[in-house]
Amino acid sequence: MLKQPFAIGRRALAGTALAALGLCIAPWAAAQEPWPAKPISLIVPFPSGGTTDVLARALADALSKSLGQPVIVESKPGAGATLGADYVAKARPDGYTLLMGAVHHTIATSVYKKLPYDFQKDFAPITTVAMVPNVLVVNASLTPAKSVAELVALARSSSKELAYGSNGNGTAQHLIGTQFQASTGIKLLHVPYKGSGPLTTDLLGGQVEMSFDTITPVLQHIKGGKLRALAVTTAKRSAVLPDVPTLEEAGLKGFDIGTWFGVLAPAGTPKDIVAKLHTEMARIIKSPDFADRMRAIGADPIGDSSAEMAARIREETAKFARLVKEGKVAVE
């Protein structure tokens, strides 16, 4: 008479053990699910309309098809691109939150006295998407200068400081402006914006006389005659603006500053996920269709290795630390 209850009890214990085992296995199985299993966020630290946004959307579109999951571009602008970077630095390192970073972040390291993240320690570089030259442009209807020499002469003779807009304190445009002043001996008024979109609007409206923005957001306005390109800031001319001289050709010896854009993940992201992201992104960036799309907007596609991007960040952080110190550029 005792066998049946004992058998039932034994079956109950076995069931309980299996249930407990299931609870242990479930999290492990979830952790092992193939990546990506849900949408990926690509954070752009500037408003829409600028070069960072344009490149991010082009890459996200192709990457969505490649990975089989939506790659959603999210804008988190502010503080010279540092707010968006901080958001990603503190995100869960699982491959679902990425940063569309840029040269600005290697400059901000020296410009901002206190940053809530370390750009070299808190991120895992994936690949550099493209390099885009910056271009000195003026409002064609309000600023008569047709060359760098004429602009410098105008600035010296003007009763007020000419204003140049940038994408924010500590960005490449800001630093180029300080270097331009140091090289020419003139004084300009720096007006920081949250990104290329609002900057271009004010430049076209005459609120600022000039800018040193990347080619992409101003190219259509140069071709349309509303903005006049006086020089590019890199060592060689741009293929989309072949008649525009470099600043070095205009007499500013050794001037060579451009803007690169690349994708990074939070530090601690699994190496296999970083490797997969690099493989897919590099393939896309080096594809003929994507490369042609980039060159049409003045960008030179790259698609380098994660190690090469990390080396770029180290080298440029040191380079810009020196330029920031020389230009006495600082932001609280």
Protein backbone atom coordinates (compact mmCIF):
# COMPACT_ATOMS: atom_id res chain seq x y z
CA MET A 1 0.00 0.00 0.00
CA LEU A 2 2.97 2.32 0.48
CA LYS A 3 4.42 1.81 -2.99
CA GLN A 4 1.99 3.98 -4.89
CA PRO A 5 2.39 7.17 -2.79
CA PHE A 6 6.17 6.66 -2.88
CA ALA A 7 6.07 6.33 -6.67
CA ILE A 8 3.96 9.43 -6.95
CA GLY A 9 6.33 11.29 -4.66
CA ARG A 10 9.31 10.14 -6.69
CA ARG A 11 7.68 11.33 -9.93
CA ALA A 12 6.87 14.66 -8.27
CA LEU A 13 10.47 15.10 -7.16
CA ALA A 14 11.70 14.27 -10.63
CA GLY A 15 9.31 16.81 -12.10
CA THR A 16 10.47 19.45 -9.63
CA ALA A 17 14.10 18.70 -10.48
CA LEU A 18 13.43 19.00 -14.19
CA ALA A 19 11.57 22.27 -13.67
CA ALA A 20 14.47 23.65 -11.65
CA LEU A 21 16.89 22.49 -14.34
CA GLY A 22 14.72 24.24 -16.93
CA LEU A 23 14.98 27.48 -14.97
CA CYS A 24 18.74 27.16 -14.99
CA ILE A 25 18.91 26.35 -18.69
CA ALA A 26 16.55 29.10 -19.86
CA PRO A 27 18.85 32.07 -19.13
CA TRP A 28 21.82 30.17 -20.55
CA ALA A 29 19.88 29.44 -23.75
CA ALA A 30 18.80 33.07 -24.02
CA ALA A 31 22.37 34.20 -23.59
CA GLN A 32 23.45 31.88 -26.38
CA GLU A 33 20.84 32.98 -28.93
CA PRO A 34 22.32 33.99 -32.29
CA TRP A 35 23.24 37.66 -32.69
CA PRO A 36 21.52 39.78 -33.86
CA ALA A 37 18.14 38.72 -32.57
CA LYS A 38 16.58 42.20 -32.41
CA PRO A 39 16.98 45.72 -33.92
CA ILE A 40 20.31 47.54 -33.53
CA SER A 41 20.57 51.25 -32.64
CA LEU A 42 23.20 53.36 -34.41
CA ILE A 43 23.59 56.57 -32.41
CA VAL A 44 24.41 59.77 -34.28
CA PRO A 45 25.66 62.49 -31.88
CA PHE A 46 24.44 65.32 -34.14
CA PRO A 47 21.05 66.46 -35.48
CA SER A 48 19.80 65.04 -38.78
CA GLY A 49 21.02 66.54 -42.04
CA GLY A 50 24.76 66.58 -41.37
CA THR A 51 27.49 64.34 -42.74
CA THR A 52 27.42 62.00 -39.71
CA ASP A 53 23.70 61.44 -40.22
CA VAL A 54 24.00 60.96 -44.00
CA LEU A 55 26.77 58.37 -43.67
CA ALA A 56 25.01 56.59 -40.80
CA ARG A 57 21.77 56.22 -42.76
CA ALA A 58 23.55 54.93 -45.85
CA LEU A 59 25.43 52.34 -43.80
CA ALA A 60 22.39 51.40 -41.68
CA ASP A 61 20.28 50.75 -44.76
CA ALA A 62 22.79 48.31 -46.22
CA LEU A 63 23.60 46.74 -42.84
CA SER A 64 19.92 46.06 -42.13
CA LYS A 65 19.73 43.92 -45.25
CA SER A 66 23.03 42.21 -44.50
CA LEU A 67 22.26 41.29 -40.88
CA GLY A 68 18.55 40.58 -41.32
CA GLN A 69 17.60 42.97 -38.50
CA PRO A 70 16.68 46.67 -38.64
CA VAL A 71 19.55 49.07 -37.90
CA ILE A 72 17.85 52.19 -36.58
CA VAL A 73 19.61 55.56 -36.70
CA GLU A 74 18.94 57.60 -33.55
CA SER A 75 20.02 61.22 -33.11
CA LYS A 76 21.35 62.27 -29.69
CA PRO A 77 23.01 65.65 -30.30
CA GLY A 78 24.66 68.10 -27.95
CA ALA A 79 27.94 69.24 -26.36
CA GLY A 80 30.07 68.81 -29.45
CA ALA A 81 28.97 65.18 -30.01
CA THR A 82 29.93 64.14 -26.47
CA LEU A 83 26.38 63.51 -25.21
CA GLY A 84 25.76 60.81 -27.79
CA ALA A 85 29.16 59.28 -27.12
CA ASP A 86 28.48 59.16 -23.39
CA TYR A 87 25.14 57.43 -24.03
CA VAL A 88 26.84 54.65 -26.00
CA ALA A 89 29.76 54.36 -23.59
CA LYS A 90 27.29 53.53 -20.82
CA ALA A 91 25.09 51.24 -22.93
CA ARG A 92 25.00 47.47 -22.43
CA PRO A 93 27.91 45.95 -24.41
CA ASP A 94 25.83 43.45 -26.34
CA GLY A 95 26.17 44.71 -29.91
CA TYR A 96 22.77 46.38 -30.00
CA THR A 97 23.92 49.96 -29.37
CA LEU A 98 26.61 51.47 -31.60
CA LEU A 99 28.10 54.94 -32.09
CA MET A 100 28.71 56.73 -35.37
CA GLY A 101 31.82 58.47 -34.07
CA ALA A 102 34.07 60.99 -35.75
CA VAL A 103 37.30 62.91 -35.48
CA HIS A 104 35.47 65.30 -33.15
CA HIS A 105 35.73 62.77 -30.34
CA THR A 106 39.52 62.68 -30.52
CA ILE A 107 39.52 66.49 -30.26
CA ALA A 108 36.96 66.66 -27.44
CA THR A 109 39.27 64.55 -25.29
CA SER A 110 41.58 67.57 -25.00
CA VAL A 111 39.06 70.40 -25.34
CA TYR A 112 36.67 69.39 -22.55
CA LYS A 113 38.20 69.53 -19.10
CA LYS A 114 35.87 66.84 -17.79
CA LEU A 115 34.32 64.10 -19.93
CA PRO A 116 32.19 61.32 -18.38
CA TYR A 117 33.93 58.72 -20.58
CA ASP A 118 37.36 57.86 -21.98
CA PHE A 119 37.17 57.65 -25.76
CA GLN A 120 40.08 55.22 -26.00
CA LYS A 121 39.15 52.97 -23.06
CA ASP A 122 35.34 52.95 -23.14
CA PHE A 123 34.83 52.02 -26.81
CA ALA A 124 35.67 49.14 -29.12
CA PRO A 125 36.48 50.50 -32.61
CA ILE A 126 34.86 48.58 -35.48
CA THR A 127 35.81 50.38 -38.70
CA THR A 128 36.30 53.82 -40.25
CA VAL A 129 33.52 54.43 -42.76
CA ALA A 130 34.90 57.42 -44.66
CA MET A 131 37.11 60.49 -44.68
CA VAL A 132 35.47 63.77 -45.74
CA PRO A 133 37.45 66.95 -46.43
CA ASN A 134 36.31 70.16 -44.77
CA VAL A 135 35.81 73.22 -46.92
CA LEU A 136 35.96 76.93 -46.20
CA VAL A 137 32.77 78.47 -47.60
CA VAL A 138 31.23 81.94 -47.43
CA ASN A 139 27.73 83.22 -48.10
CA ALA A 140 28.07 84.18 -51.78
CA SER A 141 25.56 87.04 -51.69
CA LEU A 142 26.79 88.65 -48.47
CA THR A 143 30.56 88.06 -48.51
CA PRO A 144 32.41 89.40 -51.57
CA ALA A 145 35.64 87.45 -50.99
CA LYS A 146 36.51 85.11 -53.84
CA SER A 147 39.75 83.75 -52.38
CA VAL A 148 41.38 83.11 -49.03
CA ALA A 149 43.57 86.19 -49.49
CA GLU A 150 40.50 88.36 -50.13
CA LEU A 151 38.73 86.90 -47.10
CA VAL A 152 41.72 87.64 -44.86
CA ALA A 153 41.88 91.21 -46.22
CA LEU A 154 38.14 91.62 -45.62
CA ALA A 155 38.45 90.38 -42.04
CA ARG A 156 41.28 92.83 -41.35
CA SER A 157 39.39 95.79 -42.77
CA SER A 158 36.01 94.96 -41.23
CA SER A 159 34.76 97.00 -38.29
CA LYS A 160 33.42 93.80 -36.68
CA GLU A 161 34.68 90.26 -36.40
CA LEU A 162 33.52 87.91 -39.16
CA ALA A 163 31.60 84.99 -37.66
CA TYR A 164 32.21 81.36 -38.51
CA GLY A 165 29.87 78.57 -37.50
CA SER A 166 30.88 75.11 -36.30
CA ASN A 167 29.17 71.88 -35.27
CA GLY A 168 29.91 72.71 -31.66
CA ASN A 169 32.74 73.36 -29.25
CA GLY A 170 35.55 70.88 -29.62
CA THR A 171 34.61 69.73 -33.12
CA ALA A 172 36.90 69.66 -36.15
CA GLN A 173 35.27 72.83 -37.53
CA HIS A 174 36.00 74.66 -34.28
CA LEU A 175 39.63 73.58 -34.27
CA ILE A 176 40.09 74.38 -37.96
CA GLY A 177 38.78 77.86 -37.23
CA THR A 178 41.33 78.38 -34.46
CA GLN A 179 44.14 77.10 -36.68
CA PHE A 180 43.01 79.32 -39.55
CA GLN A 181 43.16 82.35 -37.27
CA ALA A 182 46.61 81.39 -35.99
CA SER A 183 47.89 80.90 -39.55
CA THR A 184 46.49 84.16 -40.93
CA GLY A 185 46.76 86.43 -37.89
CA ILE A 186 43.10 87.49 -38.07
CA LYS A 187 40.40 87.32 -35.40
CA LEU A 188 37.10 85.54 -36.05
CA LEU A 189 33.98 85.07 -33.92
CA HIS A 190 33.19 81.42 -33.22
CA VAL A 191 29.48 80.51 -33.20
CA PRO A 192 28.86 76.87 -32.13
CA TYR A 193 25.80 74.94 -33.33
CA LYS A 194 24.51 71.46 -32.51
CA GLY A 195 25.25 70.22 -36.02
CA SER A 196 25.53 70.92 -39.73
CA GLY A 197 21.77 71.22 -40.28
CA PRO A 198 21.18 74.33 -38.15
CA LEU A 199 24.61 75.70 -39.07
CA THR A 200 23.91 75.52 -42.82
CA THR A 201 20.52 77.15 -42.35
CA ASP A 202 22.09 80.14 -40.58
CA LEU A 203 24.96 80.31 -43.05
CA LEU A 204 22.51 80.54 -45.94
CA GLY A 205 20.48 83.10 -43.98
CA GLY A 206 23.50 85.30 -43.29
CA GLN A 207 23.58 84.87 -39.51
CA VAL A 208 27.22 83.76 -39.89
CA GLU A 209 29.52 84.74 -42.75
CA MET A 210 31.48 81.53 -43.15
CA SER A 211 32.09 77.95 -42.02
CA PHE A 212 34.67 75.16 -42.22
CA ASP A 213 32.14 72.33 -42.40
CA THR A 214 32.58 69.04 -44.22
CA ILE A 215 31.79 69.06 -47.94
CA THR A 216 28.69 66.84 -47.77
CA PRO A 217 26.08 69.23 -46.26
CA VAL A 218 27.21 72.28 -48.29
CA LEU A 219 27.98 70.69 -51.66
CA GLN A 220 24.53 71.29 -53.18
CA HIS A 221 24.63 74.94 -52.09
CA ILE A 222 28.10 75.41 -53.58
CA LYS A 223 26.90 73.98 -56.87
CA GLY A 224 23.74 76.10 -56.63
CA GLY A 225 25.77 79.28 -56.16
CA LYS A 226 24.43 80.21 -52.73
CA LEU A 227 27.74 79.39 -51.03
CA ARG A 228 31.22 80.07 -52.41
CA ALA A 229 34.00 77.57 -51.72
CA LEU A 230 37.37 79.23 -51.12
CA ALA A 231 39.55 76.27 -50.09
CA VAL A 232 39.52 72.72 -48.76
CA THR A 233 41.32 72.04 -45.49
CA THR A 234 43.03 68.75 -46.43
CA ALA A 235 46.44 68.27 -48.06
CA LYS A 236 44.90 67.35 -51.42
CA ARG A 237 41.97 68.72 -53.40
CA SER A 238 38.56 67.09 -53.36
CA ALA A 239 37.42 65.10 -56.39
CA VAL A 240 33.95 66.72 -56.21
CA LEU A 241 35.45 70.23 -56.02
CA PRO A 242 38.51 69.89 -58.27
CA ASP A 243 38.79 73.63 -58.96
CA VAL A 244 38.87 74.59 -55.29
CA PRO A 245 42.46 74.94 -53.96
CA THR A 246 43.73 73.58 -50.66
CA LEU A 247 44.52 75.96 -47.82
CA GLU A 248 48.17 75.09 -48.30
CA GLU A 249 47.93 76.15 -51.94
CA ALA A 250 46.33 79.36 -50.68
CA GLY A 251 49.44 80.06 -48.62
CA LEU A 252 48.75 78.34 -45.27
CA LYS A 253 51.68 75.92 -45.17
CA GLY A 254 51.22 72.52 -43.54
CA PHE A 255 47.44 72.86 -43.16
CA ASP A 256 45.90 69.38 -43.30
CA ILE A 257 42.78 68.63 -41.23
CA GLY A 258 39.89 66.49 -42.48
CA THR A 259 37.01 64.68 -40.80
CA TRP A 260 36.78 60.91 -40.55
CA PHE A 261 33.66 59.02 -39.48
CA GLY A 262 33.56 55.52 -38.03
CA VAL A 263 31.54 53.04 -35.98
CA LEU A 264 32.34 52.00 -32.42
CA ALA A 265 30.71 49.73 -29.84
CA PRO A 266 30.85 49.98 -26.04
CA ALA A 267 34.00 48.47 -24.55
CA GLY A 268 33.39 44.89 -23.47
CA THR A 269 31.26 44.00 -26.48
CA PRO A 270 32.00 40.32 -27.30
CA LYS A 271 34.86 40.00 -29.79
CA ASP A 272 32.88 37.73 -32.09
CA ILE A 273 30.15 40.37 -32.41
CA VAL A 274 32.70 43.13 -33.10
CA ALA A 275 34.34 40.86 -35.69
CA LYS A 276 31.03 40.12 -37.40
CA LEU A 277 30.12 43.81 -37.48
CA HIS A 278 33.51 44.63 -38.97
CA THR A 279 33.22 41.95 -41.63
CA GLU A 280 29.77 43.11 -42.73
CA MET A 281 30.57 46.82 -42.60
CA ALA A 282 33.88 46.54 -44.43
CA ARG A 283 32.23 44.50 -47.18
CA ILE A 284 29.50 47.13 -47.57
CA ILE A 285 31.89 50.10 -47.50
CA LYS A 286 34.16 48.56 -50.14
CA SER A 287 31.31 47.55 -52.43
CA PRO A 288 31.14 49.52 -55.71
CA ASP A 289 27.60 50.81 -55.08
CA PHE A 290 28.38 52.16 -51.60
CA ALA A 291 31.74 53.59 -52.68
CA ASP A 292 30.12 55.43 -55.59
CA ARG A 293 27.43 56.75 -53.26
CA MET A 294 30.09 58.07 -50.89
CA ARG A 295 32.21 59.73 -53.58
CA ALA A 296 29.15 61.50 -54.97
CA ILE A 297 28.79 63.40 -51.68
CA GLY A 298 32.49 64.15 -51.32
CA ALA A 299 33.40 61.25 -49.01
CA ASP A 300 36.30 58.84 -49.51
CA PRO A 301 35.27 55.33 -48.33
CA ILE A 302 37.75 53.47 -46.08
CA GLY A 303 36.58 50.28 -44.30
CA ASP A 304 39.81 49.66 -42.34
CA SER A 305 40.40 47.06 -39.63
CA SER A 306 39.42 47.56 -36.00
CA ALA A 307 43.11 47.71 -35.06
CA GLU A 308 43.79 50.34 -37.72
CA MET A 309 40.90 52.45 -36.49
CA ALA A 310 42.18 52.17 -32.93
CA ALA A 311 45.62 53.32 -34.10
CA ARG A 312 44.00 56.27 -35.93
CA ILE A 313 42.23 57.29 -32.73
CA ARG A 314 45.45 57.10 -30.68
CA GLU A 315 47.48 59.09 -33.21
CA GLU A 316 44.88 61.79 -33.73
CA THR A 317 44.15 62.16 -30.03
CA ALA A 318 47.83 62.99 -29.53
CA LYS A 319 47.94 65.25 -32.60
CA PHE A 320 44.91 67.28 -31.59
CA ALA A 321 46.04 67.53 -27.98
CA ARG A 322 49.01 69.49 -29.28
CA LEU A 323 46.89 71.70 -31.56
CA VAL A 324 44.35 72.35 -28.79
CA LYS A 325 47.13 73.37 -26.43
CA GLU A 326 48.70 75.67 -29.04
CA GLY A 327 45.32 77.24 -29.84
CA LYS A 328 44.38 77.50 -26.14
CA VAL A 329 40.98 75.93 -26.86
CA ALA A 330 39.04 74.84 -23.77
CA VAL A 331 35.43 74.14 -22.81
CA GLU A 332 34.11 73.62 -19.28
